[in-house]
Amino acid sequence: MEATQDLNERRLADAWAELQSHSNKGRPLKADAYRLAFADPEFLLRRETRGIRFQLEMLKPDLAQRELGIENTIVVFGSARVREPGIAQEHLAAAEASGNPQAIAKARALLRNARHYVQAREFARIVARYSKRCPREDQLFICTGGGPGIMEAANRGAHDEATLNVGLNISLPHEQSGNQYITPELSFKFHYFALRKMHFMMRAKALVAFPGGFGTLDELFEVITLVQCKKAKPVPIVLFGSDYWKRLINFDVLVEEGMISAEDLKLFEYVDDPQAAWDYIMRFYDLPQV
């Protein structure tokens, strides 16, 4: 049975190798009705086959994570623009040397927010250290959007502790690749935002949102909405950096105007310390000390 499977897989690989040879030899790939459907890029990229692409983008990361025992994740969101303190300091020095007021203001904000890089990295270390002492089925793995900034910091913290960690990157017009600290076998690239979001939630046992922009807000409010509407199980939702979040969003206004109930404010927790974020998650699940 295994021999038959290997033979089939070789045949599939040969079909793709034939396509690759066209590219390597500079031969244009013309539409061909006789070409195998799964090895026909023009066919797979048609509007009518979008549903198949959805299925593939759902299935590939799911199978890869299952094979490596990734069942429970702690998802860390946050800005891709945050930099570690040393790099932020270099940006400020360069801006000050230029004498450009706008560049200086931007560099000062970058340095001010560099502390969040350090905190995200430390939070991931705490999670990784705890999980290493747990049975495999109880381990929690760091998962991020796979990019730079806060995402890199969290993947880096897990990498520091030599634990598996996940990156769910997205194809964007300004091309980016997964950061260097993601476990290579768990570094995925998505085309569809919707499928990427589903993968964030499929295994998430907690969400930790560091300061970020539109993308972070989009992901945060989707999770809050799913939990509020009971379309997803309750999970700890942590807003890291209380000053930032309270200045950015006045949730009390939503209560005062009757747009949400006062109980909805209990769906998330403000924290300012990596250990406090982890302690909140532990209390939520009544996790044992190990």
Protein backbone atom coordinates (compact mmCIF):
# COMPACT_ATOMS: atom_id res chain seq x y z
CA MET A 1 0.00 0.00 0.00
CA GLU A 2 2.80 2.40 0.93
CA ALA A 3 4.64 1.53 -2.28
CA THR A 4 1.54 2.43 -4.30
CA GLN A 5 1.24 5.74 -2.47
CA ASP A 6 4.91 6.51 -3.11
CA LEU A 7 4.45 5.72 -6.79
CA ASN A 8 1.44 8.04 -7.03
CA GLU A 9 3.31 10.82 -5.26
CA ARG A 10 6.25 10.42 -7.67
CA ARG A 11 3.89 10.71 -10.62
CA LEU A 12 2.37 13.87 -9.19
CA ALA A 13 5.82 15.28 -8.58
CA ASP A 14 6.84 14.38 -12.14
CA ALA A 15 3.88 16.33 -13.50
CA TRP A 16 5.02 19.45 -11.65
CA ALA A 17 8.64 18.85 -12.68
CA GLU A 18 7.54 18.87 -16.32
CA LEU A 19 5.93 22.27 -15.80
CA GLN A 20 9.08 23.54 -14.09
CA SER A 21 11.22 22.42 -17.00
CA HIS A 22 9.21 24.68 -19.30
CA SER A 23 10.16 27.64 -17.13
CA ASN A 24 13.80 26.62 -16.77
CA LYS A 25 14.23 26.28 -20.53
CA GLY A 26 12.41 29.52 -21.26
CA ARG A 27 9.55 27.79 -23.06
CA PRO A 28 6.17 29.51 -22.65
CA LEU A 29 3.47 27.45 -21.01
CA LYS A 30 0.51 27.34 -23.36
CA ALA A 31 -3.02 26.27 -22.51
CA ASP A 32 -3.26 22.52 -22.97
CA ALA A 33 -6.50 20.57 -22.64
CA TYR A 34 -4.50 17.37 -22.19
CA ARG A 35 -2.55 18.70 -19.20
CA LEU A 36 -3.48 17.15 -15.83
CA ALA A 37 -6.02 19.44 -14.15
CA PHE A 38 -4.13 19.68 -10.84
CA ALA A 39 -0.94 20.56 -12.75
CA ASP A 40 -2.53 23.27 -14.85
CA PRO A 41 -1.81 26.70 -13.29
CA GLU A 42 -4.09 28.57 -15.69
CA PHE A 43 -6.96 26.26 -14.76
CA LEU A 44 -6.32 26.45 -11.01
CA LEU A 45 -6.23 30.25 -11.14
CA ARG A 46 -9.56 30.64 -12.92
CA ARG A 47 -12.39 32.42 -11.12
CA GLU A 48 -14.45 29.21 -11.23
CA THR A 49 -11.82 27.24 -9.29
CA ARG A 50 -11.62 29.72 -6.40
CA GLY A 51 -13.46 27.28 -4.15
CA ILE A 52 -10.75 24.68 -4.76
CA ARG A 53 -8.09 27.23 -3.83
CA PHE A 54 -10.01 27.96 -0.62
CA GLN A 55 -9.97 24.27 0.24
CA LEU A 56 -6.26 23.93 -0.46
CA GLU A 57 -5.41 26.98 1.62
CA MET A 58 -7.46 25.58 4.48
CA LEU A 59 -6.04 22.08 4.23
CA LYS A 60 -2.30 22.59 3.74
CA PRO A 61 -1.54 24.45 7.03
CA ASP A 62 -3.98 22.24 8.92
CA LEU A 63 -2.27 19.01 7.87
CA ALA A 64 1.21 20.39 8.51
CA GLN A 65 0.31 21.50 12.02
CA ARG A 66 -1.36 18.21 12.85
CA GLU A 67 1.70 16.28 11.72
CA LEU A 68 3.88 18.26 14.13
CA GLY A 69 1.40 18.03 17.02
CA ILE A 70 0.31 21.67 16.99
CA GLU A 71 -3.16 21.56 18.53
CA ASN A 72 -3.22 24.53 20.93
CA THR A 73 -1.80 27.98 20.19
CA ILE A 74 -1.39 31.37 21.81
CA VAL A 75 -1.91 33.92 19.05
CA VAL A 76 0.09 37.14 19.27
CA PHE A 77 -0.97 40.13 17.15
CA GLY A 78 0.69 43.52 16.84
CA SER A 79 2.29 46.03 14.54
CA ALA A 80 4.75 44.96 11.86
CA ARG A 81 6.40 48.38 12.21
CA VAL A 82 7.76 47.95 15.74
CA ARG A 83 11.52 47.39 15.94
CA GLU A 84 13.84 46.10 18.64
CA PRO A 85 15.46 48.87 20.74
CA GLY A 86 18.90 48.75 19.11
CA ILE A 87 17.51 49.17 15.61
CA ALA A 88 15.08 51.85 16.77
CA GLN A 89 17.97 53.77 18.34
CA GLU A 90 19.87 53.61 15.04
CA HIS A 91 16.85 55.04 13.22
CA LEU A 92 16.68 57.91 15.68
CA ALA A 93 20.38 58.69 15.30
CA ALA A 94 20.02 58.75 11.52
CA ALA A 95 16.92 60.95 11.72
CA GLU A 96 18.60 63.42 14.06
CA ALA A 97 21.59 63.58 11.75
CA SER A 98 19.27 64.43 8.85
CA GLY A 99 17.67 67.30 10.79
CA ASN A 100 14.26 66.43 9.31
CA PRO A 101 11.60 67.17 11.99
CA GLN A 102 9.13 64.63 10.58
CA ALA A 103 11.75 61.90 10.44
CA ILE A 104 12.83 62.70 13.99
CA ALA A 105 9.25 62.54 15.31
CA LYS A 106 8.69 59.22 13.55
CA ALA A 107 11.97 57.78 14.87
CA ARG A 108 11.16 58.89 18.42
CA ALA A 109 7.82 57.07 18.24
CA LEU A 110 9.63 54.00 16.91
CA LEU A 111 12.03 54.07 19.86
CA ARG A 112 9.20 54.70 22.33
CA ASN A 113 7.36 51.62 21.09
CA ALA A 114 10.45 49.42 20.94
CA ARG A 115 9.70 48.28 24.48
CA HIS A 116 6.76 46.31 23.08
CA TYR A 117 9.17 44.24 20.98
CA VAL A 118 11.03 43.29 24.16
CA GLN A 119 7.78 42.53 25.99
CA ALA A 120 6.36 40.37 23.18
CA ARG A 121 9.57 38.40 23.03
CA GLU A 122 9.57 37.85 26.79
CA PHE A 123 5.89 36.82 26.80
CA ALA A 124 6.60 34.17 24.19
CA ARG A 125 9.55 32.91 26.22
CA ILE A 126 7.30 32.51 29.26
CA VAL A 127 4.74 30.52 27.27
CA ALA A 128 7.46 28.36 25.71
CA ARG A 129 9.16 27.64 29.03
CA TYR A 130 5.87 26.57 30.56
CA SER A 131 4.88 24.38 27.62
CA LYS A 132 8.21 22.56 27.50
CA ARG A 133 7.39 21.14 30.94
CA CYS A 134 3.92 19.93 29.89
CA PRO A 135 2.86 16.69 28.22
CA ARG A 136 2.75 17.19 24.45
CA GLU A 137 -1.05 17.18 24.31
CA ASP A 138 -1.17 20.09 26.78
CA GLN A 139 1.51 22.24 25.20
CA LEU A 140 0.74 25.72 23.91
CA PHE A 141 2.58 27.06 20.88
CA ILE A 142 3.14 30.66 19.84
CA CYS A 143 1.40 31.61 16.60
CA THR A 144 1.73 34.97 14.82
CA GLY A 145 1.02 36.60 11.49
CA GLY A 146 4.56 35.65 10.51
CA GLY A 147 5.81 39.12 9.62
CA PRO A 148 8.27 41.56 11.23
CA GLY A 149 7.76 43.73 14.31
CA ILE A 150 5.70 42.30 17.16
CA MET A 151 5.17 39.10 15.20
CA GLU A 152 8.90 38.59 14.80
CA ALA A 153 9.43 39.31 18.51
CA ALA A 154 6.94 36.63 19.58
CA ASN A 155 8.31 34.02 17.16
CA ARG A 156 11.79 34.97 18.35
CA GLY A 157 10.88 34.42 22.00
CA ALA A 158 9.66 30.90 21.26
CA HIS A 159 12.75 30.30 19.11
CA ASP A 160 14.93 31.42 22.04
CA GLU A 161 13.50 28.50 24.00
CA ALA A 162 13.95 26.07 21.09
CA THR A 163 10.22 25.37 20.78
CA LEU A 164 8.07 25.01 17.70
CA ASN A 165 6.23 28.17 16.66
CA VAL A 166 3.88 29.08 13.84
CA GLY A 167 3.79 31.95 11.34
CA LEU A 168 0.73 32.62 9.16
CA ASN A 169 2.03 35.11 6.63
CA ILE A 170 0.01 36.84 3.91
CA SER A 171 0.89 37.71 0.34
CA LEU A 172 0.85 41.50 -0.01
CA PRO A 173 1.64 43.99 -2.82
CA HIS A 174 4.75 45.05 -0.89
CA GLU A 175 6.28 41.59 -0.85
CA GLN A 176 7.36 40.21 2.50
CA SER A 177 8.51 36.83 3.71
CA GLY A 178 8.13 35.01 6.98
CA ASN A 179 10.49 36.20 9.69
CA GLN A 180 13.60 34.12 10.38
CA TYR A 181 12.46 32.86 13.78
CA ILE A 182 9.44 30.84 12.63
CA THR A 183 9.88 27.06 12.61
CA PRO A 184 10.49 26.46 8.87
CA GLU A 185 7.98 23.62 8.63
CA LEU A 186 5.35 25.90 10.20
CA SER A 187 5.90 29.03 8.12
CA PHE A 188 2.85 29.39 5.88
CA LYS A 189 1.89 31.91 3.24
CA PHE A 190 -1.74 32.79 2.50
CA HIS A 191 -3.46 34.55 -0.34
CA TYR A 192 -6.85 34.91 1.34
CA PHE A 193 -7.19 36.95 4.53
CA ALA A 194 -10.35 35.05 5.45
CA LEU A 195 -8.63 31.67 5.42
CA ARG A 196 -5.70 33.05 7.36
CA LYS A 197 -8.07 34.36 10.05
CA MET A 198 -9.77 30.98 10.28
CA HIS A 199 -6.42 29.35 10.94
CA PHE A 200 -5.70 31.87 13.69
CA MET A 201 -8.91 30.84 15.45
CA MET A 202 -8.90 27.09 14.77
CA ARG A 203 -6.29 26.35 17.42
CA ALA A 204 -6.22 29.55 19.46
CA LYS A 205 -6.53 29.16 23.21
CA ALA A 206 -5.74 32.84 23.81
CA LEU A 207 -5.21 36.07 21.90
CA VAL A 208 -2.66 38.67 22.97
CA ALA A 209 -2.95 41.95 21.04
CA PHE A 210 0.00 44.31 21.29
CA PRO A 211 -0.23 47.87 19.93
CA GLY A 212 -0.84 47.85 16.21
CA GLY A 213 -2.63 49.45 13.30
CA PHE A 214 -5.52 48.57 11.02
CA GLY A 215 -4.50 44.91 10.64
CA THR A 216 -4.25 44.38 14.39
CA LEU A 217 -7.59 46.10 14.95
CA ASP A 218 -9.22 44.00 12.25
CA GLU A 219 -8.00 40.75 13.79
CA LEU A 220 -8.78 41.84 17.35
CA PHE A 221 -12.36 42.90 16.65
CA GLU A 222 -13.08 39.79 14.61
CA VAL A 223 -12.13 37.62 17.60
CA ILE A 224 -14.08 39.78 20.07
CA THR A 225 -17.13 39.65 17.79
CA LEU A 226 -16.97 35.88 17.38
CA VAL A 227 -16.77 35.39 21.14
CA GLN A 228 -19.44 38.01 21.88
CA CYS A 229 -21.85 36.38 19.39
CA LYS A 230 -20.97 32.92 20.71
CA LYS A 231 -19.72 31.80 17.32
CA ALA A 232 -16.45 30.85 19.02
CA LYS A 233 -15.67 29.49 22.46
CA PRO A 234 -14.60 32.07 25.05
CA VAL A 235 -10.83 32.57 25.10
CA PRO A 236 -8.65 34.98 27.05
CA ILE A 237 -8.29 38.18 25.03
CA VAL A 238 -5.42 40.31 26.30
CA LEU A 239 -4.86 43.94 25.30
CA PHE A 240 -1.18 44.52 26.01
CA GLY A 241 -0.30 48.15 26.66
CA SER A 242 -3.23 49.64 28.55
CA ASP A 243 -2.26 53.26 27.88
CA TYR A 244 -2.22 52.66 24.13
CA TRP A 245 -5.50 50.77 23.99
CA LYS A 246 -7.38 53.11 26.32
CA ARG A 247 -6.26 56.17 24.37
CA LEU A 248 -7.10 54.51 21.07
CA ILE A 249 -10.55 53.11 21.90
CA ASN A 250 -13.00 54.36 24.52
CA PHE A 251 -15.01 51.19 25.03
CA ASP A 252 -17.06 52.90 27.75
CA VAL A 253 -18.70 55.02 25.05
CA LEU A 254 -20.10 51.86 23.49
CA VAL A 255 -21.71 50.96 26.82
CA GLU A 256 -22.98 54.50 27.45
CA GLU A 257 -24.60 54.63 24.01
CA GLY A 258 -26.14 51.19 24.39
CA MET A 259 -24.11 49.66 21.58
CA ILE A 260 -22.74 46.87 23.78
CA SER A 261 -23.59 45.64 27.26
CA ALA A 262 -21.42 46.31 30.28
CA GLU A 263 -20.76 42.57 30.45
CA ASP A 264 -19.02 42.73 27.08
CA LEU A 265 -16.18 44.70 28.66
CA LYS A 266 -15.27 41.50 30.49
CA LEU A 267 -14.39 39.83 27.20
CA PHE A 268 -10.88 41.26 27.36
CA GLU A 269 -8.25 42.26 29.89
CA TYR A 270 -5.69 45.08 29.90
CA VAL A 271 -2.14 44.17 30.92
CA ASP A 272 1.25 45.90 30.90
CA ASP A 273 3.61 43.10 31.86
CA PRO A 274 4.46 39.81 30.08
CA GLN A 275 4.09 37.76 33.25
CA ALA A 276 0.74 39.42 34.01
CA ALA A 277 -0.50 38.44 30.55
CA TRP A 278 0.48 34.82 31.14
CA ASP A 279 -0.97 34.81 34.67
CA TYR A 280 -4.32 35.96 33.28
CA ILE A 281 -4.32 33.11 30.75
CA MET A 282 -3.41 30.62 33.47
CA ARG A 283 -6.24 31.86 35.70
CA PHE A 284 -8.72 31.69 32.84
CA TYR A 285 -7.99 27.99 32.30
CA ASP A 286 -6.99 27.18 35.88
CA LEU A 287 -3.71 25.79 34.52
CA PRO A 288 -1.50 23.93 36.98
CA GLN A 289 1.97 25.13 37.86
CA VAL A 290 4.53 22.77 36.32
